Amino acid sequence: MKKITKNILEYTVLFEPAEEGGYIVTVPALDGCATQGETIEEAVRNIKEAISGVIAVMEEEGLEIPREKTETFFTKIAVSYPVLTA
């Protein structure tokens, strides 16, 4: 009898407000993995589905599934730059 196990993967996900409303969602560790949603909740559901789809295609094609390093994170960095005034 075969034993079924589940593998839990975690990825950093970027939510950006869309100009027309809602959110655009991307997964930097998975090239091309993106979706959108009108609400955060919808965007979360959609990106989970998109991630699962990308992983399924990668498995079918025999590609290695990217594992995100636990040290990966996003932050904002402020920089100053000169502004020319008349």
PDB file of N, CA and C in Angstrom:
ATOM      1  N   MET A   1       0.836  -1.175   0.000  1.00  0.00           N
ATOM      2  CA  MET A   1       0.000   0.000   0.000  1.00  0.00           C
ATOM      3  C   MET A   1       0.889   1.251   0.000  1.00  0.00           C
ATOM      4  N   LYS A   2       0.572   2.207  -0.891  1.00  0.00           N
ATOM      5  CA  LYS A   2       1.347   3.433  -0.973  1.00  0.00           C
ATOM      6  C   LYS A   2       0.879   4.408   0.100  1.00  0.00           C
ATOM      7  N   LYS A   3       1.844   5.117   0.628  1.00  0.00           N
ATOM      8  CA  LYS A   3       1.564   6.109   1.651  1.00  0.00           C
ATOM      9  C   LYS A   3       1.550   7.496   0.991  1.00  0.00           C
ATOM     10  N   ILE A   4       0.541   8.294   1.278  1.00  0.00           N
ATOM     11  CA  ILE A   4       0.434   9.644   0.744  1.00  0.00           C
ATOM     12  C   ILE A   4       0.870  10.632   1.813  1.00  0.00           C
ATOM     13  N   THR A   5       1.807  11.490   1.445  1.00  0.00           N
ATOM     14  CA  THR A   5       2.239  12.540   2.360  1.00  0.00           C
ATOM     15  C   THR A   5       2.064  13.891   1.662  1.00  0.00           C
ATOM     16  N   LYS A   6       1.991  14.929   2.453  1.00  0.00           N
ATOM     17  CA  LYS A   6       1.879  16.279   1.900  1.00  0.00           C
ATOM     18  C   LYS A   6       3.130  17.057   2.262  1.00  0.00           C
ATOM     19  N   ASN A   7       3.563  17.845   1.306  1.00  0.00           N
ATOM     20  CA  ASN A   7       4.713  18.700   1.497  1.00  0.00           C
ATOM     21  C   ASN A   7       4.202  20.134   1.585  1.00  0.00           C
ATOM     22  N   ILE A   8       4.557  20.852   2.622  1.00  0.00           N
ATOM     23  CA  ILE A   8       4.122  22.241   2.779  1.00  0.00           C
ATOM     24  C   ILE A   8       5.272  23.147   2.353  1.00  0.00           C
ATOM     25  N   LEU A   9       4.994  24.008   1.391  1.00  0.00           N
ATOM     26  CA  LEU A   9       5.972  24.980   0.915  1.00  0.00           C
ATOM     27  C   LEU A   9       5.480  26.374   1.276  1.00  0.00           C
ATOM     28  N   GLU A  10       6.400  27.253   1.630  1.00  0.00           N
ATOM     29  CA  GLU A  10       6.049  28.637   1.934  1.00  0.00           C
ATOM     30  C   GLU A  10       6.819  29.552   0.999  1.00  0.00           C
ATOM     31  N   TYR A  11       6.104  30.555   0.466  1.00  0.00           N
ATOM     32  CA  TYR A  11       6.715  31.522  -0.431  1.00  0.00           C
ATOM     33  C   TYR A  11       6.344  32.934  -0.010  1.00  0.00           C
ATOM     34  N   THR A  12       7.280  33.856  -0.207  1.00  0.00           N
ATOM     35  CA  THR A  12       6.998  35.269  -0.006  1.00  0.00           C
ATOM     36  C   THR A  12       6.134  35.724  -1.173  1.00  0.00           C
ATOM     37  N   VAL A  13       5.064  36.447  -0.859  1.00  0.00           N
ATOM     38  CA  VAL A  13       4.106  36.898  -1.869  1.00  0.00           C
ATOM     39  C   VAL A  13       3.998  38.420  -1.767  1.00  0.00           C
ATOM     40  N   LEU A  14       3.991  39.094  -2.922  1.00  0.00           N
ATOM     41  CA  LEU A  14       3.922  40.544  -2.973  1.00  0.00           C
ATOM     42  C   LEU A  14       2.544  40.984  -3.457  1.00  0.00           C
ATOM     43  N   PHE A  15       1.848  41.775  -2.649  1.00  0.00           N
ATOM     44  CA  PHE A  15       0.532  42.320  -2.994  1.00  0.00           C
ATOM     45  C   PHE A  15       0.716  43.799  -3.343  1.00  0.00           C
ATOM     46  N   GLU A  16       0.296  44.191  -4.536  1.00  0.00           N
ATOM     47  CA  GLU A  16       0.374  45.593  -4.949  1.00  0.00           C
ATOM     48  C   GLU A  16      -1.009  46.063  -5.374  1.00  0.00           C
ATOM     49  N   PRO A  17      -1.415  47.255  -4.924  1.00  0.00           N
ATOM     50  CA  PRO A  17      -2.709  47.769  -5.363  1.00  0.00           C
ATOM     51  C   PRO A  17      -2.709  47.960  -6.889  1.00  0.00           C
ATOM     52  N   ALA A  18      -3.771  47.529  -7.549  1.00  0.00           N
ATOM     53  CA  ALA A  18      -3.916  47.700  -8.991  1.00  0.00           C
ATOM     54  C   ALA A  18      -4.564  49.052  -9.253  1.00  0.00           C
ATOM     55  N   GLU A  19      -4.184  49.701 -10.353  1.00  0.00           N
ATOM     56  CA  GLU A  19      -4.742  51.018 -10.681  1.00  0.00           C
ATOM     57  C   GLU A  19      -6.261  50.984 -10.794  1.00  0.00           C
ATOM     58  N   GLU A  20      -6.802  49.904 -11.346  1.00  0.00           N
ATOM     59  CA  GLU A  20      -8.242  49.795 -11.552  1.00  0.00           C
ATOM     60  C   GLU A  20      -8.978  49.252 -10.320  1.00  0.00           C
ATOM     61  N   GLY A  21      -8.232  49.028  -9.240  1.00  0.00           N
ATOM     62  CA  GLY A  21      -8.814  48.482  -8.016  1.00  0.00           C
ATOM     63  C   GLY A  21      -8.372  47.049  -7.809  1.00  0.00           C
ATOM     64  N   GLY A  22      -8.478  46.585  -6.618  1.00  0.00           N
ATOM     65  CA  GLY A  22      -8.051  45.234  -6.296  1.00  0.00           C
ATOM     66  C   GLY A  22      -6.542  45.168  -6.136  1.00  0.00           C
ATOM     67  N   TYR A  23      -6.003  43.970  -6.290  1.00  0.00           N
ATOM     68  CA  TYR A  23      -4.585  43.729  -6.037  1.00  0.00           C
ATOM     69  C   TYR A  23      -3.976  42.850  -7.109  1.00  0.00           C
ATOM     70  N   ILE A  24      -2.728  43.145  -7.443  1.00  0.00           N
ATOM     71  CA  ILE A  24      -1.911  42.280  -8.290  1.00  0.00           C
ATOM     72  C   ILE A  24      -0.986  41.541  -7.336  1.00  0.00           C
ATOM     73  N   VAL A  25      -0.872  40.231  -7.520  1.00  0.00           N
ATOM     74  CA  VAL A  25      -0.097  39.406  -6.594  1.00  0.00           C
ATOM     75  C   VAL A  25       0.956  38.633  -7.372  1.00  0.00           C
ATOM     76  N   THR A  26       2.201  38.674  -6.884  1.00  0.00           N
ATOM     77  CA  THR A  26       3.293  37.938  -7.524  1.00  0.00           C
ATOM     78  C   THR A  26       4.079  37.153  -6.490  1.00  0.00           C
ATOM     79  N   VAL A  27       4.772  36.121  -6.986  1.00  0.00           N
ATOM     80  CA  VAL A  27       5.629  35.288  -6.146  1.00  0.00           C
ATOM     81  C   VAL A  27       7.033  35.375  -6.738  1.00  0.00           C
ATOM     82  N   PRO A  28       7.904  36.197  -6.156  1.00  0.00           N
ATOM     83  CA  PRO A  28       9.236  36.386  -6.740  1.00  0.00           C
ATOM     84  C   PRO A  28      10.042  35.101  -6.943  1.00  0.00           C
ATOM     85  N   ALA A  29       9.879  34.122  -6.085  1.00  0.00           N
ATOM     86  CA  ALA A  29      10.651  32.884  -6.196  1.00  0.00           C
ATOM     87  C   ALA A  29      10.171  31.973  -7.328  1.00  0.00           C
ATOM     88  N   LEU A  30       8.960  32.228  -7.844  1.00  0.00           N
ATOM     89  CA  LEU A  30       8.392  31.404  -8.914  1.00  0.00           C
ATOM     90  C   LEU A  30       8.165  32.279 -10.143  1.00  0.00           C
ATOM     91  N   ASP A  31       9.123  32.292 -11.058  1.00  0.00           N
ATOM     92  CA  ASP A  31       9.024  33.139 -12.249  1.00  0.00           C
ATOM     93  C   ASP A  31       7.682  32.982 -12.941  1.00  0.00           C
ATOM     94  N   GLY A  32       7.044  34.105 -13.191  1.00  0.00           N
ATOM     95  CA  GLY A  32       5.782  34.102 -13.926  1.00  0.00           C
ATOM     96  C   GLY A  32       4.554  33.774 -13.103  1.00  0.00           C
ATOM     97  N   CYS A  33       4.726  33.520 -11.825  1.00  0.00           N
ATOM     98  CA  CYS A  33       3.580  33.178 -10.980  1.00  0.00           C
ATOM     99  C   CYS A  33       2.947  34.470 -10.480  1.00  0.00           C
ATOM    100  N   ALA A  34       1.791  34.799 -11.056  1.00  0.00           N
ATOM    101  CA  ALA A  34       1.101  36.036 -10.700  1.00  0.00           C
ATOM    102  C   ALA A  34      -0.397  35.862 -10.910  1.00  0.00           C
ATOM    103  N   THR A  35      -1.161  36.684 -10.214  1.00  0.00           N
ATOM    104  CA  THR A  35      -2.610  36.686 -10.359  1.00  0.00           C
ATOM    105  C   THR A  35      -3.125  38.015  -9.828  1.00  0.00           C
ATOM    106  N   GLN A  36      -4.411  38.113  -9.657  1.00  0.00           N
ATOM    107  CA  GLN A  36      -5.012  39.329  -9.117  1.00  0.00           C
ATOM    108  C   GLN A  36      -6.261  38.947  -8.343  1.00  0.00           C
ATOM    109  N   GLY A  37      -6.793  39.906  -7.623  1.00  0.00           N
ATOM    110  CA  GLY A  37      -8.034  39.702  -6.891  1.00  0.00           C
ATOM    111  C   GLY A  37      -8.635  41.040  -6.532  1.00  0.00           C
ATOM    112  N   GLU A  38      -9.942  41.097  -6.461  1.00  0.00           N
ATOM    113  CA  GLU A  38     -10.635  42.339  -6.109  1.00  0.00           C
ATOM    114  C   GLU A  38     -10.471  42.676  -4.633  1.00  0.00           C
ATOM    115  N   THR A  39     -10.302  41.664  -3.793  1.00  0.00           N
ATOM    116  CA  THR A  39     -10.086  41.843  -2.357  1.00  0.00           C
ATOM    117  C   THR A  39      -8.842  41.062  -1.955  1.00  0.00           C
ATOM    118  N   ILE A  40      -8.316  41.345  -0.775  1.00  0.00           N
ATOM    119  CA  ILE A  40      -7.172  40.577  -0.268  1.00  0.00           C
ATOM    120  C   ILE A  40      -7.531  39.095  -0.186  1.00  0.00           C
ATOM    121  N   GLU A  41      -8.725  38.798   0.314  1.00  0.00           N
ATOM    122  CA  GLU A  41      -9.143  37.404   0.470  1.00  0.00           C
ATOM    123  C   GLU A  41      -9.170  36.685  -0.878  1.00  0.00           C
ATOM    124  N   GLU A  42      -9.735  37.338  -1.893  1.00  0.00           N
ATOM    125  CA  GLU A  42      -9.785  36.741  -3.228  1.00  0.00           C
ATOM    126  C   GLU A  42      -8.381  36.593  -3.794  1.00  0.00           C
ATOM    127  N   ALA A  43      -7.537  37.599  -3.582  1.00  0.00           N
ATOM    128  CA  ALA A  43      -6.167  37.537  -4.079  1.00  0.00           C
ATOM    129  C   ALA A  43      -5.392  36.393  -3.422  1.00  0.00           C
ATOM    130  N   VAL A  44      -5.604  36.176  -2.133  1.00  0.00           N
ATOM    131  CA  VAL A  44      -4.936  35.065  -1.433  1.00  0.00           C
ATOM    132  C   VAL A  44      -5.387  33.726  -2.019  1.00  0.00           C
ATOM    133  N   ARG A  45      -6.697  33.565  -2.203  1.00  0.00           N
ATOM    134  CA  ARG A  45      -7.204  32.309  -2.803  1.00  0.00           C
ATOM    135  C   ARG A  45      -6.598  32.101  -4.186  1.00  0.00           C
ATOM    136  N   ASN A  46      -6.571  33.169  -4.988  1.00  0.00           N
ATOM    137  CA  ASN A  46      -6.075  33.058  -6.355  1.00  0.00           C
ATOM    138  C   ASN A  46      -4.584  32.751  -6.414  1.00  0.00           C
ATOM    139  N   ILE A  47      -3.786  33.356  -5.526  1.00  0.00           N
ATOM    140  CA  ILE A  47      -2.349  33.097  -5.577  1.00  0.00           C
ATOM    141  C   ILE A  47      -2.034  31.689  -5.078  1.00  0.00           C
ATOM    142  N   LYS A  48      -2.800  31.180  -4.113  1.00  0.00           N
ATOM    143  CA  LYS A  48      -2.597  29.788  -3.680  1.00  0.00           C
ATOM    144  C   LYS A  48      -2.846  28.838  -4.855  1.00  0.00           C
ATOM    145  N   GLU A  49      -3.908  29.103  -5.609  1.00  0.00           N
ATOM    146  CA  GLU A  49      -4.227  28.291  -6.786  1.00  0.00           C
ATOM    147  C   GLU A  49      -3.133  28.420  -7.847  1.00  0.00           C
ATOM    148  N   ALA A  50      -2.644  29.636  -8.060  1.00  0.00           N
ATOM    149  CA  ALA A  50      -1.593  29.862  -9.051  1.00  0.00           C
ATOM    150  C   ALA A  50      -0.302  29.144  -8.656  1.00  0.00           C
ATOM    151  N   ILE A  51       0.077  29.222  -7.382  1.00  0.00           N
ATOM    152  CA  ILE A  51       1.277  28.536  -6.906  1.00  0.00           C
ATOM    153  C   ILE A  51       1.138  27.035  -7.120  1.00  0.00           C
ATOM    154  N   SER A  52      -0.005  26.480  -6.736  1.00  0.00           N
ATOM    155  CA  SER A  52      -0.231  25.044  -6.921  1.00  0.00           C
ATOM    156  C   SER A  52      -0.129  24.657  -8.391  1.00  0.00           C
ATOM    157  N   GLY A  53      -0.675  25.501  -9.276  1.00  0.00           N
ATOM    158  CA  GLY A  53      -0.617  25.229 -10.710  1.00  0.00           C
ATOM    159  C   GLY A  53       0.800  25.255 -11.255  1.00  0.00           C
ATOM    160  N   VAL A  54       1.576  26.244 -10.842  1.00  0.00           N
ATOM    161  CA  VAL A  54       2.971  26.337 -11.284  1.00  0.00           C
ATOM    162  C   VAL A  54       3.753  25.124 -10.803  1.00  0.00           C
ATOM    163  N   ILE A  55       3.569  24.749  -9.554  1.00  0.00           N
ATOM    164  CA  ILE A  55       4.284  23.590  -9.009  1.00  0.00           C
ATOM    165  C   ILE A  55       3.882  22.315  -9.741  1.00  0.00           C
ATOM    166  N   ALA A  56       2.593  22.143 -10.031  1.00  0.00           N
ATOM    167  CA  ALA A  56       2.129  20.948 -10.748  1.00  0.00           C
ATOM    168  C   ALA A  56       2.776  20.863 -12.129  1.00  0.00           C
ATOM    169  N   VAL A  57       2.846  21.984 -12.843  1.00  0.00           N
ATOM    170  CA  VAL A  57       3.469  21.986 -14.175  1.00  0.00           C
ATOM    171  C   VAL A  57       4.951  21.665 -14.051  1.00  0.00           C
ATOM    172  N   MET A  58       5.623  22.231 -13.070  1.00  0.00           N
ATOM    173  CA  MET A  58       7.052  21.960 -12.878  1.00  0.00           C
ATOM    174  C   MET A  58       7.290  20.483 -12.586  1.00  0.00           C
ATOM    175  N   GLU A  59       6.432  19.886 -11.766  1.00  0.00           N
ATOM    176  CA  GLU A  59       6.566  18.458 -11.460  1.00  0.00           C
ATOM    177  C   GLU A  59       6.365  17.626 -12.716  1.00  0.00           C
ATOM    178  N   GLU A  60       5.344  17.959 -13.513  1.00  0.00           N
ATOM    179  CA  GLU A  60       5.078  17.226 -14.759  1.00  0.00           C
ATOM    180  C   GLU A  60       6.263  17.290 -15.710  1.00  0.00           C
ATOM    181  N   GLU A  61       6.949  18.440 -15.723  1.00  0.00           N
ATOM    182  CA  GLU A  61       8.077  18.629 -16.619  1.00  0.00           C
ATOM    183  C   GLU A  61       9.393  18.164 -16.010  1.00  0.00           C
ATOM    184  N   GLY A  62       9.331  17.620 -14.808  1.00  0.00           N
ATOM    185  CA  GLY A  62      10.531  17.098 -14.158  1.00  0.00           C
ATOM    186  C   GLY A  62      11.483  18.178 -13.677  1.00  0.00           C
ATOM    187  N   LEU A  63      10.972  19.388 -13.473  1.00  0.00           N
ATOM    188  CA  LEU A  63      11.806  20.487 -13.004  1.00  0.00           C
ATOM    189  C   LEU A  63      11.865  20.517 -11.483  1.00  0.00           C
ATOM    190  N   GLU A  64      12.942  21.052 -10.967  1.00  0.00           N
ATOM    191  CA  GLU A  64      13.085  21.176  -9.521  1.00  0.00           C
ATOM    192  C   GLU A  64      12.187  22.303  -9.011  1.00  0.00           C
ATOM    193  N   ILE A  65      11.465  22.029  -7.948  1.00  0.00           N
ATOM    194  CA  ILE A  65      10.579  23.021  -7.342  1.00  0.00           C
ATOM    195  C   ILE A  65      11.439  23.981  -6.513  1.00  0.00           C
ATOM    196  N   PRO A  66      11.397  25.288  -6.815  1.00  0.00           N
ATOM    197  CA  PRO A  66      12.204  26.231  -6.031  1.00  0.00           C
ATOM    198  C   PRO A  66      11.784  26.252  -4.566  1.00  0.00           C
ATOM    199  N   ARG A  67      12.750  26.215  -3.710  1.00  0.00           N
ATOM    200  CA  ARG A  67      12.520  26.338  -2.266  1.00  0.00           C
ATOM    201  C   ARG A  67      13.038  27.702  -1.860  1.00  0.00           C
ATOM    202  N   GLU A  68      12.192  28.491  -1.253  1.00  0.00           N
ATOM    203  CA  GLU A  68      12.616  29.812  -0.815  1.00  0.00           C
ATOM    204  C   GLU A  68      13.401  29.685   0.474  1.00  0.00           C
ATOM    205  N   LYS A  69      14.484  30.415   0.541  1.00  0.00           N
ATOM    206  CA  LYS A  69      15.282  30.402   1.764  1.00  0.00           C
ATOM    207  C   LYS A  69      14.485  31.067   2.887  1.00  0.00           C
ATOM    208  N   THR A  70      14.624  30.560   4.085  1.00  0.00           N
ATOM    209  CA  THR A  70      13.869  31.108   5.209  1.00  0.00           C
ATOM    210  C   THR A  70      14.300  32.529   5.539  1.00  0.00           C
ATOM    211  N   GLU A  71      15.491  32.918   5.066  1.00  0.00           N
ATOM    212  CA  GLU A  71      15.985  34.265   5.346  1.00  0.00           C
ATOM    213  C   GLU A  71      15.401  35.305   4.389  1.00  0.00           C
ATOM    214  N   THR A  72      14.634  34.897   3.396  1.00  0.00           N
ATOM    215  CA  THR A  72      14.086  35.821   2.408  1.00  0.00           C
ATOM    216  C   THR A  72      12.996  36.676   3.028  1.00  0.00           C
ATOM    217  N   PHE A  73      13.065  37.995   2.770  1.00  0.00           N
ATOM    218  CA  PHE A  73      12.019  38.893   3.246  1.00  0.00           C
ATOM    219  C   PHE A  73      12.018  40.159   2.399  1.00  0.00           C
ATOM    220  N   PHE A  74      10.939  40.923   2.502  1.00  0.00           N
ATOM    221  CA  PHE A  74      10.816  42.216   1.836  1.00  0.00           C
ATOM    222  C   PHE A  74      10.837  43.302   2.899  1.00  0.00           C
ATOM    223  N   THR A  75      11.420  44.420   2.552  1.00  0.00           N
ATOM    224  CA  THR A  75      11.382  45.585   3.415  1.00  0.00           C
ATOM    225  C   THR A  75      11.485  46.827   2.543  1.00  0.00           C
ATOM    226  N   LYS A  76      11.223  47.969   3.113  1.00  0.00           N
ATOM    227  CA  LYS A  76      11.366  49.235   2.390  1.00  0.00           C
ATOM    228  C   LYS A  76      12.638  49.917   2.860  1.00  0.00           C
ATOM    229  N   ILE A  77      13.357  50.490   1.908  1.00  0.00           N
ATOM    230  CA  ILE A  77      14.575  51.226   2.199  1.00  0.00           C
ATOM    231  C   ILE A  77      14.396  52.642   1.669  1.00  0.00           C
ATOM    232  N   ALA A  78      14.637  53.654   2.496  1.00  0.00           N
ATOM    233  CA  ALA A  78      14.523  55.046   2.073  1.00  0.00           C
ATOM    234  C   ALA A  78      15.892  55.545   1.619  1.00  0.00           C
ATOM    235  N   VAL A  79      15.929  56.204   0.480  1.00  0.00           N
ATOM    236  CA  VAL A  79      17.159  56.807  -0.020  1.00  0.00           C
ATOM    237  C   VAL A  79      16.866  58.251  -0.407  1.00  0.00           C
ATOM    238  N   SER A  80      17.846  59.103  -0.269  1.00  0.00           N
ATOM    239  CA  SER A  80      17.664  60.489  -0.695  1.00  0.00           C
ATOM    240  C   SER A  80      18.387  60.682  -2.012  1.00  0.00           C
ATOM    241  N   TYR A  81      17.912  61.628  -2.771  1.00  0.00           N
ATOM    242  CA  TYR A  81      18.558  61.947  -4.032  1.00  0.00           C
ATOM    243  C   TYR A  81      18.448  63.445  -4.248  1.00  0.00           C
ATOM    244  N   PRO A  82      19.413  64.029  -4.943  1.00  0.00           N
ATOM    245  CA  PRO A  82      19.390  65.488  -5.130  1.00  0.00           C
ATOM    246  C   PRO A  82      18.296  65.925  -6.086  1.00  0.00           C
ATOM    247  N   VAL A  83      17.664  67.040  -5.751  1.00  0.00           N
ATOM    248  CA  VAL A  83      16.624  67.629  -6.602  1.00  0.00           C
ATOM    249  C   VAL A  83      17.120  69.007  -7.007  1.00  0.00           C
ATOM    250  N   LEU A  84      17.190  69.237  -8.311  1.00  0.00           N
ATOM    251  CA  LEU A  84      17.617  70.538  -8.814  1.00  0.00           C
ATOM    252  C   LEU A  84      16.475  71.522  -8.726  1.00  0.00           C
ATOM    253  N   THR A  85      16.714  72.674  -8.159  1.00  0.00           N
ATOM    254  CA  THR A  85      15.700  73.715  -8.087  1.00  0.00           C
ATOM    255  C   THR A  85      16.205  74.938  -8.828  1.00  0.00           C
ATOM    256  N   ALA A  86      15.304  75.694  -9.349  1.00  0.00           N
ATOM    257  CA  ALA A  86      15.688  76.893 -10.121  1.00  0.00           C
ATOM    258  C   ALA A  86      16.005  78.057  -9.228  1.00  0.00           C
TER     259      ALA A  86
END
